[in-house]
Protein backbone atom coordinates (compact mmCIF):
# COMPACT_ATOMS: atom_id res chain seq x y z
CA MET A 1 0.28 9.19 -21.58
CA ALA A 2 -1.57 8.86 -18.68
CA THR A 3 -4.42 6.73 -18.72
CA LEU A 4 -7.37 7.62 -16.11
CA LYS A 5 -10.53 5.76 -15.96
CA PRO A 6 -13.90 7.24 -14.50
CA PHE A 7 -14.95 4.27 -12.03
CA ALA A 8 -18.48 3.57 -10.29
CA ALA A 9 -16.88 4.18 -6.63
CA LEU A 10 -18.03 2.86 -3.50
CA ARG A 11 -18.84 5.86 -1.10
CA PRO A 12 -19.99 6.90 2.28
CA LYS A 13 -23.85 8.00 3.05
CA PRO A 14 -22.59 11.63 3.22
CA GLU A 15 -24.30 12.15 6.72
CA LEU A 16 -21.84 9.55 8.02
CA ALA A 17 -18.95 10.11 6.36
CA ALA A 18 -17.38 12.07 9.33
CA GLN A 19 -17.76 8.46 11.56
CA ILE A 20 -16.45 6.17 8.28
CA CYS A 21 -13.70 7.69 6.88
CA GLU A 22 -10.29 7.01 8.52
CA LEU A 23 -6.51 7.92 8.30
CA PRO A 24 -4.69 5.30 6.35
CA TYR A 25 -3.82 1.94 7.98
CA ASP A 26 0.12 2.17 8.04
CA VAL A 27 0.46 5.26 9.85
CA MET A 28 -0.70 4.06 13.33
CA SER A 29 -0.50 0.72 15.10
CA SER A 30 -2.67 -1.66 16.04
CA ASP A 31 -3.43 -0.29 19.83
CA GLU A 32 -3.90 3.06 17.97
CA ALA A 33 -6.10 1.99 15.88
CA ARG A 34 -8.10 0.29 18.56
CA GLU A 35 -8.53 3.34 20.61
CA ILE A 36 -9.32 5.58 17.91
CA ALA A 37 -12.38 3.38 16.58
CA ARG A 38 -13.57 2.48 20.17
CA GLY A 39 -17.36 2.61 20.31
CA ASN A 40 -17.65 3.59 16.72
CA PRO A 41 -18.88 0.31 14.82
CA LEU A 42 -18.81 2.88 11.86
CA SER A 43 -15.28 3.22 11.87
CA PHE A 44 -13.33 2.05 8.64
CA LEU A 45 -10.43 1.52 10.79
CA HIS A 46 -12.98 -2.23 11.50
CA VAL A 47 -12.06 -2.92 7.41
CA SER A 48 -8.24 -1.18 6.79
CA LYS A 49 -6.55 -2.67 10.63
CA PRO A 50 -9.42 -5.47 11.15
CA GLU A 51 -6.86 -7.13 13.94
CA ILE A 52 -8.48 -4.47 16.18
CA ASP A 53 -11.55 -6.92 16.45
CA LEU A 54 -9.48 -9.65 16.94
CA ALA A 55 -7.97 -10.14 20.58
CA PRO A 56 -4.67 -8.21 21.32
CA GLY A 57 -1.78 -9.51 20.05
CA ALA A 58 -3.46 -11.46 17.57
CA ASP A 59 -1.12 -12.32 14.60
CA LEU A 60 -1.76 -9.30 11.81
CA TYR A 61 -0.97 -11.63 8.87
CA SER A 62 -3.24 -14.25 9.81
CA PRO A 63 -6.38 -15.47 7.59
CA GLU A 64 -8.47 -14.33 10.61
CA VAL A 65 -7.85 -11.13 10.27
CA TYR A 66 -8.42 -10.46 6.67
CA ALA A 67 -11.70 -12.62 7.05
CA GLN A 68 -12.58 -9.96 9.51
CA GLY A 69 -11.67 -7.31 7.57
CA LYS A 70 -14.21 -8.75 4.49
CA ALA A 71 -16.80 -9.55 7.16
CA ASN A 72 -16.57 -5.98 8.37
CA PHE A 73 -16.52 -4.22 5.28
CA GLN A 74 -19.20 -6.17 3.70
CA LYS A 75 -21.44 -5.40 6.52
CA LEU A 76 -20.70 -1.61 6.18
CA ILE A 77 -22.64 -2.18 2.64
CA ALA A 78 -25.58 -4.28 3.98
CA GLN A 79 -26.69 -1.54 6.44
CA GLY A 80 -26.25 0.89 3.76
CA ALA A 81 -23.28 2.99 5.28
CA LEU A 82 -21.25 2.64 2.09
CA LYS A 83 -23.09 2.85 -1.28
CA GLN A 84 -21.74 2.15 -4.72
CA ASP A 85 -22.50 4.77 -7.34
CA ASP A 86 -24.97 3.92 -10.45
CA GLN A 87 -22.41 4.91 -12.92
CA PRO A 88 -18.61 5.51 -13.66
CA ASN A 89 -17.60 8.91 -12.31
CA PHE A 90 -14.55 10.95 -11.80
CA TYR A 91 -14.36 12.78 -8.73
CA LEU A 92 -12.35 15.73 -7.37
CA TYR A 93 -10.99 15.71 -3.76
CA ARG A 94 -10.19 18.51 -1.60
CA GLN A 95 -8.31 18.68 1.78
CA ILE A 96 -7.85 21.93 3.78
CA MET A 97 -5.29 21.84 6.32
CA GLY A 98 -4.25 25.10 7.87
CA SER A 99 -3.17 27.06 5.84
CA HIS A 100 -2.62 24.01 3.24
CA THR A 101 -5.21 23.43 0.40
CA GLN A 102 -4.75 20.78 -2.21
CA ILE A 103 -7.61 19.61 -4.33
CA GLY A 104 -6.80 15.84 -6.46
CA LEU A 105 -9.00 14.13 -9.08
CA VAL A 106 -9.98 10.55 -7.77
CA ALA A 107 -9.52 7.90 -10.84
CA ALA A 108 -8.75 4.25 -11.65
CA ALA A 109 -5.33 4.42 -12.66
CA SER A 110 -4.02 1.90 -15.16
CA CYS A 111 -2.19 -1.04 -13.79
CA GLU A 112 -0.14 -1.91 -16.71
CA GLU A 113 1.02 1.75 -16.97
CA TYR A 114 2.04 1.20 -13.36
CA LEU A 115 4.39 -2.09 -14.25
CA LYS A 116 5.68 -0.25 -17.59
CA ASN A 117 6.76 2.86 -15.43
CA ILE A 118 4.60 5.45 -17.06
CA ILE A 119 3.57 5.90 -13.45
CA LYS A 120 6.87 6.44 -11.82
CA LYS A 121 8.11 5.06 -8.38
CA HIS A 122 11.15 6.38 -5.95
CA GLU A 123 11.19 3.64 -3.48
CA PHE A 124 11.41 -0.03 -2.94
CA THR A 125 8.64 -1.89 -1.19
CA ARG A 126 9.12 -4.54 1.06
CA PRO A 127 7.36 -7.98 0.23
CA ASP A 128 6.26 -8.59 3.54
CA LYS A 129 3.92 -5.67 3.19
CA GLU A 130 3.30 -6.11 -0.80
CA ASP A 131 1.91 -9.86 0.52
CA ASP A 132 -0.02 -7.80 3.11
CA ARG A 133 -2.44 -5.70 0.75
CA VAL A 134 -2.63 -8.27 -1.96
CA ARG A 135 -4.01 -10.30 0.52
CA HIS A 136 -6.38 -7.30 1.58
CA ILE A 137 -7.30 -6.37 -1.94
CA GLU A 138 -8.25 -10.39 -2.74
CA ALA A 139 -10.05 -10.45 0.60
CA LEU A 140 -12.55 -7.52 0.05
CA ASN A 141 -12.18 -7.73 -3.66
CA SER A 142 -11.51 -4.02 -3.75
CA GLN A 143 -9.36 -1.25 -2.81
CA THR A 144 -9.68 0.72 -0.40
CA GLY A 145 -6.86 2.47 0.01
CA PRO A 146 -6.27 5.06 -2.55
CA VAL A 147 -2.36 5.88 -3.91
CA PHE A 148 -1.11 9.25 -3.90
CA LEU A 149 -0.06 10.48 -7.42
CA THR A 150 1.04 13.58 -8.75
CA TYR A 151 1.50 15.23 -12.30
CA GLN A 152 2.83 18.09 -13.74
CA ALA A 153 0.05 21.07 -13.11
CA SER A 154 -1.67 22.24 -15.73
CA GLU A 155 -3.19 25.47 -16.00
CA LYS A 156 -6.49 24.35 -18.24
CA PHE A 157 -7.22 21.37 -15.99
CA ASP A 158 -7.00 23.69 -12.98
CA ALA A 159 -9.56 26.71 -14.32
CA PHE A 160 -11.87 23.55 -14.57
CA VAL A 161 -11.38 22.13 -11.01
CA ASP A 162 -11.95 25.75 -9.77
CA GLN A 163 -15.02 25.64 -11.82
CA LYS A 164 -16.22 22.48 -10.48
CA THR A 165 -15.26 23.28 -6.93
CA SER A 166 -17.29 26.30 -6.61
CA GLU A 167 -20.55 23.64 -7.13
CA LYS A 168 -22.01 21.92 -4.16
CA PRO A 169 -20.02 19.47 -2.53
CA ALA A 170 -21.14 15.36 -2.35
CA VAL A 171 -19.30 14.76 0.97
CA ASP A 172 -17.94 17.85 3.12
CA LEU A 173 -16.51 16.56 6.89
CA THR A 174 -13.97 18.02 9.13
CA ALA A 175 -12.07 15.03 10.96
CA LYS A 176 -11.02 15.09 14.69
CA ASP A 177 -7.59 16.50 13.78
CA GLY A 178 -8.89 19.29 11.84
CA VAL A 179 -8.47 18.39 8.43
CA ARG A 180 -11.43 19.38 5.90
CA HIS A 181 -12.30 16.65 3.45
CA THR A 182 -14.67 17.30 0.50
CA SER A 183 -15.89 16.14 -2.46
CA TRP A 184 -17.47 16.38 -5.98
CA ILE A 185 -18.48 14.15 -8.36
CA ILE A 186 -17.71 14.56 -12.05
CA SER A 187 -20.28 12.65 -14.24
CA SER A 188 -21.31 14.35 -17.22
CA ALA A 189 -20.38 12.52 -20.37
CA ASP A 190 -18.52 16.13 -21.82
CA GLU A 191 -16.86 16.93 -18.39
CA ILE A 192 -15.58 12.68 -18.35
CA LYS A 193 -14.34 13.34 -22.12
CA PHE A 194 -12.62 16.40 -20.69
CA VAL A 195 -10.90 14.76 -17.84
CA GLU A 196 -9.63 12.09 -20.06
CA ALA A 197 -8.60 14.01 -23.14
CA GLN A 198 -6.40 16.17 -20.11
CA PHE A 199 -4.72 13.87 -18.53
CA ALA A 200 -3.93 11.67 -21.52
CA GLN A 201 -1.30 14.89 -22.61
CA ILE A 202 0.39 14.45 -19.47
CA PRO A 203 3.28 11.90 -20.45
CA PHE A 204 3.70 10.48 -16.92
CA LEU A 205 2.27 10.20 -13.19
CA TYR A 206 4.45 10.19 -9.90
CA ILE A 207 3.97 7.99 -7.03
CA ALA A 208 4.29 10.31 -3.97
CA ASP A 209 2.62 7.90 -1.50
CA GLY A 210 1.23 4.60 -1.80
CA HIS A 211 4.19 2.32 -3.25
CA HIS A 212 2.85 -0.60 -1.81
CA ARG A 213 -0.41 -0.63 -2.74
CA SER A 214 0.19 0.26 -6.04
CA ALA A 215 2.71 -2.93 -6.08
CA ALA A 216 -0.22 -5.16 -4.64
CA ALA A 217 -2.71 -3.99 -7.29
CA GLY A 218 -0.41 -4.63 -10.16
CA ARG A 219 0.10 -8.59 -8.54
CA VAL A 220 -3.51 -8.75 -8.58
CA PHE A 221 -3.95 -7.01 -12.13
CA GLN A 222 -1.54 -10.11 -13.24
CA SER A 223 -2.92 -12.99 -10.94
CA ARG A 224 -6.32 -12.13 -12.26
CA HIS A 225 -5.24 -11.40 -16.35
CA GLY A 226 -7.29 -8.11 -15.87
CA ALA A 227 -10.88 -9.73 -15.04
CA GLY A 228 -13.21 -7.42 -13.77
CA HIS A 229 -11.94 -3.81 -12.79
CA SER A 230 -8.55 -5.65 -11.78
CA GLY A 231 -6.83 -3.77 -14.66
CA GLN A 232 -6.82 -0.21 -12.38
CA PHE A 233 -6.22 0.74 -9.43
CA LEU A 234 -7.82 3.66 -7.15
CA ALA A 235 -5.60 6.81 -7.13
CA VAL A 236 -5.91 10.60 -6.11
CA ILE A 237 -3.39 12.51 -8.34
CA PHE A 238 -2.23 16.07 -7.28
CA PRO A 239 -0.97 18.67 -9.31
CA HIS A 240 2.96 19.11 -8.22
CA ASN A 241 2.77 22.85 -7.02
CA GLN A 242 0.12 21.66 -4.22
CA MET A 243 2.04 19.27 -2.88
CA GLN A 244 3.06 19.59 0.43
CA ILE A 245 6.08 17.75 1.92
CA LEU A 246 7.03 17.82 5.41
CA PRO A 247 10.43 16.39 6.72
CA TYR A 248 11.12 12.54 7.65
CA ASN A 249 13.30 13.13 11.08
CA ARG A 250 15.46 10.63 12.32
CA VAL A 251 16.21 9.61 16.13
CA LEU A 252 19.02 7.44 17.17
CA LYS A 253 19.04 5.09 20.20
CA ASP A 254 22.74 4.97 21.12
CA LEU A 255 26.16 6.64 20.37
CA ASN A 256 27.66 3.66 18.63
CA SER A 257 30.27 3.01 21.97
CA GLN A 258 31.75 6.79 21.30
CA SER A 259 32.09 9.36 23.78
CA PRO A 260 29.87 12.90 23.60
CA GLU A 261 33.00 14.41 22.98
CA GLN A 262 34.36 12.18 20.15
CA LEU A 263 30.45 12.35 18.63
CA LEU A 264 30.82 15.89 18.57
CA GLU A 265 34.15 15.91 16.75
CA GLN A 266 33.20 13.54 14.32
CA VAL A 267 30.09 15.57 13.18
CA ALA A 268 32.48 18.47 13.24
CA THR A 269 34.44 17.06 10.39
CA ILE A 270 31.38 17.05 8.36
CA PHE A 271 29.67 20.10 9.40
CA GLU A 272 29.84 23.38 10.62
CA ILE A 273 27.87 23.36 13.51
CA LYS A 274 26.38 26.26 15.34
CA PRO A 275 25.48 25.94 18.86
CA GLY A 276 22.04 26.72 20.09
CA GLY A 277 20.46 26.27 16.68
CA ALA A 278 16.91 26.34 15.66
CA ALA A 279 14.91 23.19 16.14
CA LYS A 280 13.73 23.00 12.31
CA PRO A 281 16.78 23.82 9.39
CA ALA A 282 16.00 26.60 7.58
CA ARG A 283 17.18 25.51 3.99
CA LYS A 284 18.48 22.56 2.10
CA HIS A 285 21.74 21.34 3.61
CA GLU A 286 20.80 22.41 7.33
CA LEU A 287 19.74 20.10 10.02
CA GLY A 288 19.10 20.56 13.51
CA PHE A 289 20.86 18.10 16.23
CA TYR A 290 19.21 17.36 19.28
CA PHE A 291 22.20 16.28 22.20
CA GLN A 292 22.65 16.50 25.87
CA GLY A 293 19.50 18.91 25.97
CA GLN A 294 20.05 21.49 23.35
CA TRP A 295 19.34 22.09 19.62
CA ARG A 296 22.76 22.78 17.24
CA THR A 297 22.42 24.08 13.65
CA LEU A 298 24.38 21.62 11.53
CA VAL A 299 25.74 22.86 7.42
CA PHE A 300 26.90 20.10 5.38
CA LYS A 301 30.33 21.47 4.49
CA PRO A 302 30.44 22.48 0.60
CA GLN A 303 32.68 19.26 -0.18
CA PHE A 304 30.01 16.99 0.33
CA THR A 305 26.90 18.74 -1.30
CA ALA A 306 29.72 19.54 -4.62
CA THR A 307 27.76 17.30 -6.56
CA ASN A 308 25.18 17.45 -9.63
CA ASP A 309 23.72 13.74 -8.81
CA PRO A 310 19.92 14.24 -7.82
CA ILE A 311 20.09 11.62 -5.29
CA GLU A 312 23.67 12.11 -3.85
CA ARG A 313 22.57 15.69 -3.13
CA LEU A 314 19.78 14.90 -1.01
CA ASP A 315 19.92 15.50 2.66
CA VAL A 316 18.74 12.39 3.69
CA THR A 317 21.63 10.36 1.44
CA LEU A 318 24.17 12.88 2.66
CA LEU A 319 23.09 12.36 6.48
CA GLN A 320 23.29 8.41 5.89
CA LYS A 321 26.40 8.04 3.92
CA GLN A 322 28.64 10.43 5.92
CA ILE A 323 26.86 10.30 9.35
CA LEU A 324 24.30 7.42 10.04
CA ALA A 325 26.74 5.06 8.67
CA PRO A 326 30.25 5.99 9.35
CA VAL A 327 29.80 7.59 12.82
CA PHE A 328 26.73 5.29 14.31
CA GLY A 329 27.15 2.23 12.32
CA ILE A 330 24.03 2.09 10.91
CA ASP A 331 24.59 0.61 7.23
CA ASP A 332 20.77 -0.33 6.79
CA PRO A 333 18.66 2.16 8.15
CA ARG A 334 15.58 -0.38 6.85
CA THR A 335 16.40 -2.75 8.89
CA SER A 336 18.43 -1.18 12.11
CA LYS A 337 16.80 -1.18 15.26
CA ARG A 338 19.34 1.29 16.25
CA ILE A 339 17.19 4.08 14.38
CA ASN A 340 13.65 5.02 14.22
CA PHE A 341 11.75 7.92 11.79
CA VAL A 342 9.14 10.28 13.09
CA GLY A 343 7.06 12.40 10.71
CA GLY A 344 7.27 15.93 10.70
CA ILE A 345 3.43 15.81 11.44
CA ARG A 346 4.73 15.36 14.82
CA GLY A 347 7.07 18.23 15.13
CA THR A 348 10.40 18.77 16.40
CA ALA A 349 8.98 18.59 20.16
CA GLU A 350 8.43 14.79 19.84
CA LEU A 351 12.38 14.52 18.73
CA GLU A 352 13.19 16.58 22.14
CA LYS A 353 10.59 14.44 24.18
CA LEU A 354 12.45 10.67 22.58
CA VAL A 355 15.50 11.97 23.48
CA ASP A 356 14.83 13.65 27.06
CA SER A 357 12.91 10.37 28.12
CA GLY A 358 16.28 8.45 28.00
CA GLU A 359 15.13 6.23 25.16
CA TYR A 360 16.83 7.65 22.56
CA ALA A 361 20.19 9.42 22.37
CA CYS A 362 19.93 12.17 19.81
CA ALA A 363 17.94 13.53 17.19
CA PHE A 364 18.77 14.77 13.58
CA SER A 365 15.68 17.07 12.24
CA MET A 366 15.63 17.08 8.42
CA PHE A 367 14.54 20.22 5.99
CA PRO A 368 11.93 18.75 3.71
CA THR A 369 12.74 17.06 0.67
CA SER A 370 11.49 18.95 -2.54
CA ILE A 371 8.78 17.66 -5.32
CA GLU A 372 10.80 18.60 -7.54
CA ASP A 373 13.66 16.47 -6.27
CA LEU A 374 11.49 13.60 -5.96
CA MET A 375 10.49 13.66 -9.67
CA ASN A 376 14.34 14.54 -10.88
CA ILE A 377 14.93 11.07 -9.42
CA ALA A 378 11.81 9.67 -10.80
CA ASP A 379 12.48 10.87 -13.83
CA ALA A 380 15.92 9.40 -14.08
CA GLY A 381 14.59 5.77 -12.85
CA GLY A 382 16.30 6.78 -9.09
CA ILE A 383 15.08 5.18 -6.10
CA MET A 384 15.40 7.82 -2.86
CA PRO A 385 16.81 6.48 0.42
CA PRO A 386 14.00 5.18 2.70
CA LYS A 387 11.96 7.78 4.73
CA SER A 388 12.61 10.76 2.22
CA THR A 389 9.17 12.37 2.32
CA TRP A 390 6.23 12.61 4.49
CA PHE A 391 3.25 13.83 2.80
CA GLU A 392 0.26 15.96 4.59
CA PRO A 393 -2.34 15.89 4.83
CA LYS A 394 -2.83 12.44 4.68
CA LEU A 395 -5.86 11.21 2.34
CA ARG A 396 -8.80 9.45 4.13
CA ASP A 397 -9.54 5.72 3.23
CA ALA A 398 -13.07 5.13 2.72
CA MET A 399 -13.90 8.43 0.79
CA PHE A 400 -13.63 6.30 -2.12
CA CYS A 401 -13.39 2.39 -3.20
CA HIS A 402 -12.59 0.87 -5.82
CA LEU A 403 -14.52 -2.48 -6.53
CA ILE A 404 -12.42 -4.86 -8.72
């Protein structure tokens, strides 16, 4: 059963929230972060990507970077830009992006349940990225980036959320990218008890995004033996039917020493090829292929999709096993320098731009992985291929921090 606890969040002063709250540390480069935060000393990027306050080219993992993040964090608290609530609460966090709305519960999730797989994973983590998050948590004594969780939607809890979000919000801001972020506080004893009881009936939670943040929290919990509030980690939990997954597209540097004709011949053994196709695939097992200045629609031949294994049926798995490894020679997409990944938020025009510039030879646009596929694979204890999902909108850092 899912054990969620209220916590006394460190939150932005409402009138400063738009200046403080920022996209997560891992969706931008240091140079991009430096540009975004320019002229804004309140930007949380000074905490989440503190290298922007050191000389360009500084080692991202040097002790000075974490010390700078700690100093910047303490400064925001000291000047009252961030303030801790007086009592433990649950919170609601709504995001509106275009026509899409999602509302999640903000809570302290259990590190023990993460380690016992009651909070289910679907990705491998990289030790270096885990180490970075551990050092960031330890330096700040806080979790500042929430883990994005999902669960099987509950009508009773949905009704409670509808009623609560009709009340006046605590924070309401529209970010520069047009995404609106709104929060409410769940503070009464009865409401807190209701939330705890509702999630006690939910058998599992699933990590959508934030595998490194949750793994790091688990390690800090173990090293501190659960002291203080280290036994929980900061999470926002959304019902599965509100999740928006965008594709994670692929661009390739070269044709693996093949001529264009040889490549298309190889591709034709795996796919039905429709020249002049759409940039975005319309359904599962269909891909867009941008090559030589034009889009082709690729449809996997039936023999390649005839399996009941949920991992083997994923388009990202099929592409890797049938094309990227045998045709392009990319055996490990995690480490290969000849492939790159482009989040769906950047659109297919970004793929055209990268290929037309000559920096890349071709691109594949993917149909989004479904949340049902993700949950089925996690239930089976499976691991999805890297870069299978891109969730939007992204949770803003500093809307809520969890002091441990």
